[in-house]
Amino acid sequence: GETLPLRPLHYVAKPLIMVLLLWWAWPSRDRPGHGWLLAGAVFALAGDTFLMLQEWDLFVPGLLSFLAMQVCYVVAFRQSQRASGRALSFAEQAPW
């Protein structure tokens, strides 16, 4: 959609990826960390949308959305890790 003269296709397809991921992840929202995971996906959708709209200068809001997404994903990872009862240790040997 972006390389061909089909801008409306680009405006639909790019956000649709994150919308479908949100729809797929929604049923597991009661698991530890998944609320933050869903919030991160919403920020990712916002960031994609901000950067997609080239008619306006929305680079900074897009960048801030991706920063918020990363923070949400870190919190989600930590909550999920704590709920599993396993300590996060960099001293553990990797399986490879």
N, C-alpha and C. Protein backbone atom coordinates (compact mmCIF):
# COMPACT_ATOMS: atom_id res chain seq x y z
N GLY A 1 0.79 -1.20 0.00
CA GLY A 1 0.00 0.00 0.00
C GLY A 1 0.84 1.26 0.00
N GLU A 2 2.02 1.21 0.62
CA GLU A 2 2.85 2.41 0.66
C GLU A 2 3.69 2.56 -0.61
N THR A 3 4.14 1.46 -1.18
CA THR A 3 4.96 1.55 -2.39
C THR A 3 4.13 1.72 -3.65
N LEU A 4 2.93 1.18 -3.64
CA LEU A 4 2.01 1.38 -4.76
C LEU A 4 1.13 2.58 -4.47
N PRO A 5 0.45 3.09 -5.43
CA PRO A 5 -0.45 4.22 -5.16
C PRO A 5 -1.75 3.77 -4.49
N LEU A 6 -1.63 2.99 -3.44
CA LEU A 6 -2.81 2.46 -2.71
C LEU A 6 -2.72 2.88 -1.25
N ARG A 7 -2.67 4.16 -1.00
CA ARG A 7 -2.53 4.67 0.37
C ARG A 7 -3.65 4.18 1.30
N PRO A 8 -4.92 4.10 0.85
CA PRO A 8 -5.96 3.58 1.75
C PRO A 8 -5.69 2.14 2.21
N LEU A 9 -5.09 1.34 1.35
CA LEU A 9 -4.74 -0.02 1.75
C LEU A 9 -3.70 0.01 2.88
N HIS A 10 -2.74 0.88 2.75
CA HIS A 10 -1.72 1.04 3.80
C HIS A 10 -2.36 1.50 5.11
N TYR A 11 -3.31 2.43 5.03
CA TYR A 11 -3.98 2.94 6.23
C TYR A 11 -4.81 1.87 6.93
N VAL A 12 -5.23 0.85 6.21
CA VAL A 12 -6.00 -0.24 6.82
C VAL A 12 -5.08 -1.36 7.29
N ALA A 13 -4.14 -1.76 6.44
CA ALA A 13 -3.33 -2.94 6.72
C ALA A 13 -2.35 -2.74 7.87
N LYS A 14 -1.71 -1.58 7.95
CA LYS A 14 -0.69 -1.38 8.99
C LYS A 14 -1.28 -1.46 10.40
N PRO A 15 -2.35 -0.74 10.72
CA PRO A 15 -2.91 -0.89 12.08
C PRO A 15 -3.61 -2.23 12.30
N LEU A 16 -4.05 -2.87 11.23
CA LEU A 16 -4.77 -4.13 11.37
C LEU A 16 -3.92 -5.21 12.02
N ILE A 17 -2.62 -5.16 11.82
CA ILE A 17 -1.73 -6.16 12.42
C ILE A 17 -1.84 -6.12 13.94
N MET A 18 -1.73 -4.93 14.53
CA MET A 18 -1.81 -4.82 15.98
C MET A 18 -3.23 -5.06 16.49
N VAL A 19 -4.23 -4.66 15.73
CA VAL A 19 -5.62 -4.92 16.13
C VAL A 19 -5.85 -6.43 16.21
N LEU A 20 -5.35 -7.18 15.24
CA LEU A 20 -5.51 -8.64 15.27
C LEU A 20 -4.73 -9.26 16.43
N LEU A 21 -3.54 -8.74 16.73
CA LEU A 21 -2.79 -9.25 17.89
C LEU A 21 -3.54 -8.98 19.20
N LEU A 22 -4.13 -7.79 19.32
CA LEU A 22 -4.93 -7.48 20.51
C LEU A 22 -6.12 -8.42 20.63
N TRP A 23 -6.79 -8.66 19.52
CA TRP A 23 -7.95 -9.56 19.51
C TRP A 23 -7.53 -10.97 19.90
N TRP A 24 -6.36 -11.41 19.42
CA TRP A 24 -5.87 -12.75 19.72
C TRP A 24 -5.49 -12.88 21.20
N ALA A 25 -4.90 -11.83 21.78
CA ALA A 25 -4.41 -11.89 23.16
C ALA A 25 -5.49 -11.59 24.19
N TRP A 26 -6.61 -11.01 23.78
CA TRP A 26 -7.66 -10.59 24.72
C TRP A 26 -8.16 -11.70 25.63
N PRO A 27 -8.41 -12.92 25.14
CA PRO A 27 -8.96 -13.96 26.03
C PRO A 27 -8.07 -14.31 27.22
N SER A 28 -6.78 -14.09 27.14
CA SER A 28 -5.89 -14.44 28.25
C SER A 28 -5.56 -13.24 29.13
N ARG A 29 -6.43 -12.23 29.14
CA ARG A 29 -6.15 -10.99 29.86
C ARG A 29 -6.13 -11.16 31.38
N ASP A 30 -6.63 -12.27 31.91
CA ASP A 30 -6.65 -12.47 33.36
C ASP A 30 -5.36 -13.11 33.88
N ARG A 31 -4.43 -13.44 33.01
CA ARG A 31 -3.16 -14.03 33.43
C ARG A 31 -2.20 -12.94 33.91
N PRO A 32 -1.26 -13.26 34.78
CA PRO A 32 -0.33 -12.25 35.30
C PRO A 32 0.44 -11.57 34.17
N GLY A 33 0.43 -10.26 34.18
CA GLY A 33 1.19 -9.49 33.22
C GLY A 33 0.48 -9.22 31.91
N HIS A 34 -0.62 -9.89 31.65
CA HIS A 34 -1.27 -9.72 30.35
C HIS A 34 -1.97 -8.38 30.20
N GLY A 35 -2.40 -7.78 31.30
CA GLY A 35 -2.97 -6.44 31.20
C GLY A 35 -1.93 -5.44 30.69
N TRP A 36 -0.72 -5.58 31.19
CA TRP A 36 0.38 -4.72 30.72
C TRP A 36 0.75 -5.06 29.28
N LEU A 37 0.67 -6.34 28.94
CA LEU A 37 0.95 -6.75 27.56
C LEU A 37 -0.06 -6.12 26.60
N LEU A 38 -1.33 -6.14 26.99
CA LEU A 38 -2.36 -5.52 26.15
C LEU A 38 -2.18 -4.01 26.08
N ALA A 39 -1.81 -3.39 27.19
CA ALA A 39 -1.55 -1.94 27.17
C ALA A 39 -0.37 -1.63 26.24
N GLY A 40 0.66 -2.45 26.28
CA GLY A 40 1.79 -2.27 25.39
C GLY A 40 1.39 -2.40 23.93
N ALA A 41 0.51 -3.34 23.64
CA ALA A 41 0.04 -3.51 22.27
C ALA A 41 -0.78 -2.29 21.81
N VAL A 42 -1.54 -1.70 22.72
CA VAL A 42 -2.29 -0.48 22.38
C VAL A 42 -1.33 0.66 22.08
N PHE A 43 -0.27 0.80 22.88
CA PHE A 43 0.73 1.82 22.60
C PHE A 43 1.45 1.55 21.28
N ALA A 44 1.70 0.27 20.96
CA ALA A 44 2.32 -0.07 19.68
C ALA A 44 1.40 0.32 18.52
N LEU A 45 0.11 0.07 18.68
CA LEU A 45 -0.86 0.47 17.66
C LEU A 45 -0.86 1.98 17.48
N ALA A 46 -0.82 2.71 18.59
CA ALA A 46 -0.78 4.17 18.51
C ALA A 46 0.50 4.64 17.83
N GLY A 47 1.64 4.05 18.18
CA GLY A 47 2.90 4.43 17.56
C GLY A 47 2.92 4.16 16.07
N ASP A 48 2.42 2.99 15.68
CA ASP A 48 2.32 2.67 14.25
C ASP A 48 1.44 3.68 13.53
N THR A 49 0.33 4.02 14.14
CA THR A 49 -0.60 4.96 13.52
C THR A 49 0.01 6.35 13.41
N PHE A 50 0.66 6.81 14.47
CA PHE A 50 1.30 8.14 14.43
C PHE A 50 2.34 8.22 13.32
N LEU A 51 3.16 7.17 13.20
CA LEU A 51 4.22 7.20 12.19
C LEU A 51 3.69 6.98 10.78
N MET A 52 2.55 6.34 10.67
CA MET A 52 1.95 6.07 9.36
C MET A 52 1.39 7.35 8.74
N LEU A 53 0.87 8.24 9.55
CA LEU A 53 0.23 9.45 9.06
C LEU A 53 1.30 10.49 8.72
N GLN A 54 1.75 10.46 7.50
CA GLN A 54 2.84 11.33 7.08
C GLN A 54 2.38 12.75 6.75
N GLU A 55 1.09 12.97 6.73
CA GLU A 55 0.57 14.31 6.45
C GLU A 55 0.83 15.27 7.61
N TRP A 56 1.03 14.73 8.80
CA TRP A 56 1.31 15.53 9.98
C TRP A 56 2.63 15.09 10.57
N ASP A 57 3.28 15.95 11.31
CA ASP A 57 4.54 15.61 11.97
C ASP A 57 4.22 15.00 13.34
N LEU A 58 4.06 13.69 13.35
CA LEU A 58 3.72 12.98 14.58
C LEU A 58 4.84 12.03 15.01
N PHE A 59 6.07 12.38 14.64
CA PHE A 59 7.20 11.52 14.97
C PHE A 59 7.40 11.41 16.48
N VAL A 60 7.37 12.53 17.19
CA VAL A 60 7.60 12.52 18.64
C VAL A 60 6.50 11.74 19.37
N PRO A 61 5.20 11.98 19.06
CA PRO A 61 4.19 11.14 19.71
C PRO A 61 4.36 9.65 19.38
N GLY A 62 4.78 9.35 18.15
CA GLY A 62 5.02 7.94 17.80
C GLY A 62 6.15 7.36 18.61
N LEU A 63 7.23 8.12 18.75
CA LEU A 63 8.38 7.66 19.52
C LEU A 63 8.00 7.47 20.99
N LEU A 64 7.25 8.40 21.56
CA LEU A 64 6.81 8.28 22.95
C LEU A 64 5.88 7.08 23.14
N SER A 65 5.06 6.81 22.13
CA SER A 65 4.18 5.63 22.20
C SER A 65 5.00 4.35 22.25
N PHE A 66 6.06 4.29 21.44
CA PHE A 66 6.90 3.09 21.45
C PHE A 66 7.69 2.98 22.76
N LEU A 67 8.07 4.10 23.35
CA LEU A 67 8.72 4.07 24.66
C LEU A 67 7.76 3.52 25.71
N ALA A 68 6.53 4.01 25.70
CA ALA A 68 5.51 3.51 26.65
C ALA A 68 5.26 2.02 26.41
N MET A 69 5.26 1.60 25.15
CA MET A 69 5.07 0.18 24.82
C MET A 69 6.17 -0.66 25.48
N GLN A 70 7.42 -0.20 25.35
CA GLN A 70 8.53 -0.96 25.92
C GLN A 70 8.43 -1.05 27.44
N VAL A 71 8.04 0.04 28.09
CA VAL A 71 7.87 0.03 29.55
C VAL A 71 6.78 -0.97 29.93
N CYS A 72 5.67 -0.96 29.22
CA CYS A 72 4.57 -1.91 29.50
C CYS A 72 5.04 -3.35 29.32
N TYR A 73 5.82 -3.61 28.28
CA TYR A 73 6.31 -4.97 28.05
C TYR A 73 7.28 -5.41 29.14
N VAL A 74 8.10 -4.52 29.65
CA VAL A 74 9.01 -4.86 30.75
C VAL A 74 8.22 -5.21 32.01
N VAL A 75 7.21 -4.40 32.32
CA VAL A 75 6.37 -4.67 33.51
C VAL A 75 5.63 -6.00 33.33
N ALA A 76 5.11 -6.25 32.13
CA ALA A 76 4.41 -7.51 31.86
C ALA A 76 5.35 -8.70 32.04
N PHE A 77 6.56 -8.58 31.53
CA PHE A 77 7.53 -9.66 31.68
C PHE A 77 7.85 -9.91 33.15
N ARG A 78 8.08 -8.84 33.90
CA ARG A 78 8.40 -9.00 35.32
C ARG A 78 7.24 -9.63 36.10
N GLN A 79 6.02 -9.20 35.84
CA GLN A 79 4.87 -9.79 36.54
C GLN A 79 4.71 -11.26 36.19
N SER A 80 4.88 -11.59 34.94
CA SER A 80 4.77 -12.99 34.51
C SER A 80 5.89 -13.83 35.12
N GLN A 81 7.08 -13.27 35.16
CA GLN A 81 8.22 -13.98 35.72
C GLN A 81 8.03 -14.20 37.21
N ARG A 82 7.56 -13.19 37.94
CA ARG A 82 7.33 -13.34 39.38
C ARG A 82 6.22 -14.35 39.67
N ALA A 83 5.17 -14.34 38.85
CA ALA A 83 4.07 -15.29 39.06
C ALA A 83 4.50 -16.73 38.81
N SER A 84 5.52 -16.91 37.98
CA SER A 84 5.98 -18.27 37.70
C SER A 84 6.81 -18.84 38.85
N GLY A 85 7.27 -17.95 39.75
CA GLY A 85 8.06 -18.41 40.89
C GLY A 85 9.52 -18.62 40.58
N ARG A 86 9.94 -18.31 39.39
CA ARG A 86 11.34 -18.47 39.01
C ARG A 86 12.04 -17.12 39.11
N ALA A 87 13.21 -17.15 39.71
CA ALA A 87 14.01 -15.92 39.82
C ALA A 87 14.72 -15.66 38.51
N LEU A 88 14.82 -14.41 38.17
CA LEU A 88 15.56 -14.03 36.98
C LEU A 88 17.02 -13.88 37.34
N SER A 89 17.85 -14.68 36.71
CA SER A 89 19.27 -14.64 37.03
C SER A 89 20.08 -14.68 35.73
N PHE A 90 21.00 -13.77 35.63
CA PHE A 90 21.87 -13.77 34.45
C PHE A 90 23.03 -14.74 34.63
N ALA A 91 23.15 -15.31 35.81
CA ALA A 91 24.22 -16.26 36.07
C ALA A 91 23.88 -17.66 35.57
N GLU A 92 22.61 -17.91 35.28
CA GLU A 92 22.22 -19.23 34.79
C GLU A 92 22.83 -19.48 33.42
N GLN A 93 23.16 -20.73 33.17
CA GLN A 93 23.73 -21.09 31.89
C GLN A 93 22.62 -21.18 30.84
N ALA A 94 22.87 -20.62 29.70
CA ALA A 94 21.92 -20.74 28.60
C ALA A 94 21.95 -22.17 28.07
N PRO A 95 20.84 -22.67 27.56
CA PRO A 95 20.77 -24.06 27.11
C PRO A 95 21.58 -24.33 25.84
N TRP A 96 22.05 -23.31 25.16
CA TRP A 96 22.78 -23.57 23.92
C TRP A 96 24.23 -23.50 24.14
